[in-house]
Amino acid sequence: MSRPDRSVHIAKSVKVIDWLKTELIDQLANLFKGLHYANQTLIVDSLASLITAVYVLARRLGLSFRELDQAVVKNLQEHVEEGHQLEEWYQDLSHLEKYIDR
């Protein structure tokens, strides 16, 4: 069996990336529905699907999971240093950074 033509591979990659983008939008809509109806199961499922789709999209775009994790930690550290409101009010960002570091 021969290898698929390069243009077929590129077209397939573009199609998968487009599908992931629509998945992000779909799950964001589901999250908003979950928030509207105070449906905790829908909220958790939507958030989990969003996170999964982001990781897979990053991989499809040529980034490793580790690169994405490192970028998230760097982003958190920058926001903590800049005194982001979520950090000042709730310490959410430093808590997330500690969780990721474990």
C-alpha atoms as a PDB file:
ATOM      1  CA  MET A   1       0.000   0.000   0.000  1.00  0.00           C
ATOM      2  CA  SER A   2       1.457   3.356  -0.991  1.00  0.00           C
ATOM      3  CA  ARG A   3       1.672   6.403   1.246  1.00  0.00           C
ATOM      4  CA  PRO A   4      -1.075   8.978   0.775  1.00  0.00           C
ATOM      5  CA  ASP A   5      -0.247  11.929  -1.395  1.00  0.00           C
ATOM      6  CA  ARG A   6       1.114  14.920   0.556  1.00  0.00           C
ATOM      7  CA  SER A   7      -1.793  17.118  -0.560  1.00  0.00           C
ATOM      8  CA  VAL A   8      -4.261  14.555   0.811  1.00  0.00           C
ATOM      9  CA  HIS A   9      -2.423  14.597   4.150  1.00  0.00           C
ATOM     10  CA  ILE A  10      -2.480  18.410   4.257  1.00  0.00           C
ATOM     11  CA  ALA A  11      -6.174  18.496   3.361  1.00  0.00           C
ATOM     12  CA  LYS A  12      -6.926  15.971   6.096  1.00  0.00           C
ATOM     13  CA  SER A  13      -4.958  18.046   8.633  1.00  0.00           C
ATOM     14  CA  VAL A  14      -6.832  21.211   7.657  1.00  0.00           C
ATOM     15  CA  LYS A  15     -10.139  19.377   7.969  1.00  0.00           C
ATOM     16  CA  VAL A  16      -9.243  18.093  11.441  1.00  0.00           C
ATOM     17  CA  ILE A  17      -8.157  21.569  12.579  1.00  0.00           C
ATOM     18  CA  ASP A  18     -11.430  23.041  11.285  1.00  0.00           C
ATOM     19  CA  TRP A  19     -13.384  20.314  13.083  1.00  0.00           C
ATOM     20  CA  LEU A  20     -11.517  21.085  16.326  1.00  0.00           C
ATOM     21  CA  LYS A  21     -12.342  24.773  15.968  1.00  0.00           C
ATOM     22  CA  THR A  22     -16.038  23.955  15.619  1.00  0.00           C
ATOM     23  CA  GLU A  23     -15.748  21.588  18.593  1.00  0.00           C
ATOM     24  CA  LEU A  24     -14.410  24.466  20.696  1.00  0.00           C
ATOM     25  CA  ILE A  25     -17.329  26.672  19.706  1.00  0.00           C
ATOM     26  CA  ASP A  26     -19.837  23.875  20.291  1.00  0.00           C
ATOM     27  CA  GLN A  27     -18.468  23.121  23.749  1.00  0.00           C
ATOM     28  CA  LEU A  28     -18.395  26.806  24.646  1.00  0.00           C
ATOM     29  CA  ALA A  29     -22.077  26.992  23.722  1.00  0.00           C
ATOM     30  CA  ASN A  30     -22.733  23.903  25.878  1.00  0.00           C
ATOM     31  CA  LEU A  31     -20.877  25.551  28.753  1.00  0.00           C
ATOM     32  CA  PHE A  32     -23.074  28.641  28.472  1.00  0.00           C
ATOM     33  CA  LYS A  33     -26.176  26.429  28.438  1.00  0.00           C
ATOM     34  CA  GLY A  34     -24.910  24.621  31.513  1.00  0.00           C
ATOM     35  CA  LEU A  35     -24.329  27.924  33.270  1.00  0.00           C
ATOM     36  CA  HIS A  36     -27.756  29.206  32.236  1.00  0.00           C
ATOM     37  CA  TYR A  37     -29.532  26.126  33.541  1.00  0.00           C
ATOM     38  CA  ALA A  38     -27.153  25.633  36.511  1.00  0.00           C
ATOM     39  CA  ASN A  39     -26.476  22.123  35.219  1.00  0.00           C
ATOM     40  CA  GLN A  40     -23.243  21.055  36.916  1.00  0.00           C
ATOM     41  CA  THR A  41     -22.857  17.910  34.817  1.00  0.00           C
ATOM     42  CA  LEU A  42     -23.076  19.887  31.577  1.00  0.00           C
ATOM     43  CA  ILE A  43     -20.681  22.512  32.950  1.00  0.00           C
ATOM     44  CA  VAL A  44     -18.052  19.923  33.926  1.00  0.00           C
ATOM     45  CA  ASP A  45     -18.440  17.950  30.692  1.00  0.00           C
ATOM     46  CA  SER A  46     -18.150  21.116  28.599  1.00  0.00           C
ATOM     47  CA  LEU A  47     -15.087  22.378  30.448  1.00  0.00           C
ATOM     48  CA  ALA A  48     -13.406  18.972  30.144  1.00  0.00           C
ATOM     49  CA  SER A  49     -14.198  18.842  26.422  1.00  0.00           C
ATOM     50  CA  LEU A  50     -12.846  22.370  25.944  1.00  0.00           C
ATOM     51  CA  ILE A  51      -9.581  21.489  27.644  1.00  0.00           C
ATOM     52  CA  THR A  52      -9.257  18.276  25.637  1.00  0.00           C
ATOM     53  CA  ALA A  53      -9.969  20.060  22.353  1.00  0.00           C
ATOM     54  CA  VAL A  54      -7.389  22.756  23.151  1.00  0.00           C
ATOM     55  CA  TYR A  55      -4.695  20.151  23.837  1.00  0.00           C
ATOM     56  CA  VAL A  56      -5.495  18.195  20.675  1.00  0.00           C
ATOM     57  CA  LEU A  57      -5.639  21.385  18.597  1.00  0.00           C
ATOM     58  CA  ALA A  58      -2.238  22.413  19.949  1.00  0.00           C
ATOM     59  CA  ARG A  59      -0.845  19.019  18.947  1.00  0.00           C
ATOM     60  CA  ARG A  60      -2.365  19.264  15.467  1.00  0.00           C
ATOM     61  CA  LEU A  61      -0.710  22.692  15.156  1.00  0.00           C
ATOM     62  CA  GLY A  62       2.678  21.183  15.921  1.00  0.00           C
ATOM     63  CA  LEU A  63       2.965  21.945  19.631  1.00  0.00           C
ATOM     64  CA  SER A  64       3.658  19.319  22.239  1.00  0.00           C
ATOM     65  CA  PHE A  65       1.493  18.943  25.314  1.00  0.00           C
ATOM     66  CA  ARG A  66       4.544  19.917  27.380  1.00  0.00           C
ATOM     67  CA  GLU A  67       5.000  23.139  25.368  1.00  0.00           C
ATOM     68  CA  LEU A  68       1.377  24.047  26.021  1.00  0.00           C
ATOM     69  CA  ASP A  69       1.726  23.257  29.726  1.00  0.00           C
ATOM     70  CA  GLN A  70       4.872  25.385  29.945  1.00  0.00           C
ATOM     71  CA  ALA A  71       3.140  28.276  28.169  1.00  0.00           C
ATOM     72  CA  VAL A  72       0.202  28.040  30.584  1.00  0.00           C
ATOM     73  CA  VAL A  73       2.521  28.092  33.605  1.00  0.00           C
ATOM     74  CA  LYS A  74       4.434  31.053  32.173  1.00  0.00           C
ATOM     75  CA  ASN A  75       1.149  32.862  31.567  1.00  0.00           C
ATOM     76  CA  LEU A  76       0.016  32.160  35.126  1.00  0.00           C
ATOM     77  CA  GLN A  77       3.307  33.397  36.569  1.00  0.00           C
ATOM     78  CA  GLU A  78       3.113  36.603  34.536  1.00  0.00           C
ATOM     79  CA  HIS A  79      -0.429  37.282  35.705  1.00  0.00           C
ATOM     80  CA  VAL A  80       0.519  36.618  39.330  1.00  0.00           C
ATOM     81  CA  GLU A  81       3.482  39.009  39.062  1.00  0.00           C
ATOM     82  CA  GLU A  82       1.307  41.685  37.420  1.00  0.00           C
ATOM     83  CA  GLY A  83      -1.279  41.455  40.193  1.00  0.00           C
ATOM     84  CA  HIS A  84      -4.163  40.107  38.122  1.00  0.00           C
ATOM     85  CA  GLN A  85      -7.522  40.618  39.867  1.00  0.00           C
ATOM     86  CA  LEU A  86      -8.277  36.885  40.041  1.00  0.00           C
ATOM     87  CA  GLU A  87      -5.008  36.432  41.883  1.00  0.00           C
ATOM     88  CA  GLU A  88      -5.534  39.375  44.218  1.00  0.00           C
ATOM     89  CA  TRP A  89      -9.086  38.408  45.083  1.00  0.00           C
ATOM     90  CA  TYR A  90      -8.988  34.599  45.121  1.00  0.00           C
ATOM     91  CA  GLN A  91      -5.398  33.416  44.451  1.00  0.00           C
ATOM     92  CA  ASP A  92      -6.865  31.269  41.647  1.00  0.00           C
ATOM     93  CA  LEU A  93      -3.815  31.653  39.425  1.00  0.00           C
ATOM     94  CA  SER A  94      -1.215  30.623  41.995  1.00  0.00           C
ATOM     95  CA  HIS A  95      -3.427  27.687  43.060  1.00  0.00           C
ATOM     96  CA  LEU A  96      -3.632  26.545  39.433  1.00  0.00           C
ATOM     97  CA  GLU A  97       0.123  26.928  38.989  1.00  0.00           C
ATOM     98  CA  LYS A  98       0.753  24.785  42.092  1.00  0.00           C
ATOM     99  CA  TYR A  99      -1.711  22.173  40.817  1.00  0.00           C
ATOM    100  CA  ILE A 100      -0.006  21.996  37.419  1.00  0.00           C
ATOM    101  CA  ASP A 101       3.447  21.746  39.037  1.00  0.00           C
ATOM    102  CA  ARG A 102       2.358  18.629  40.918  1.00  0.00           C
END
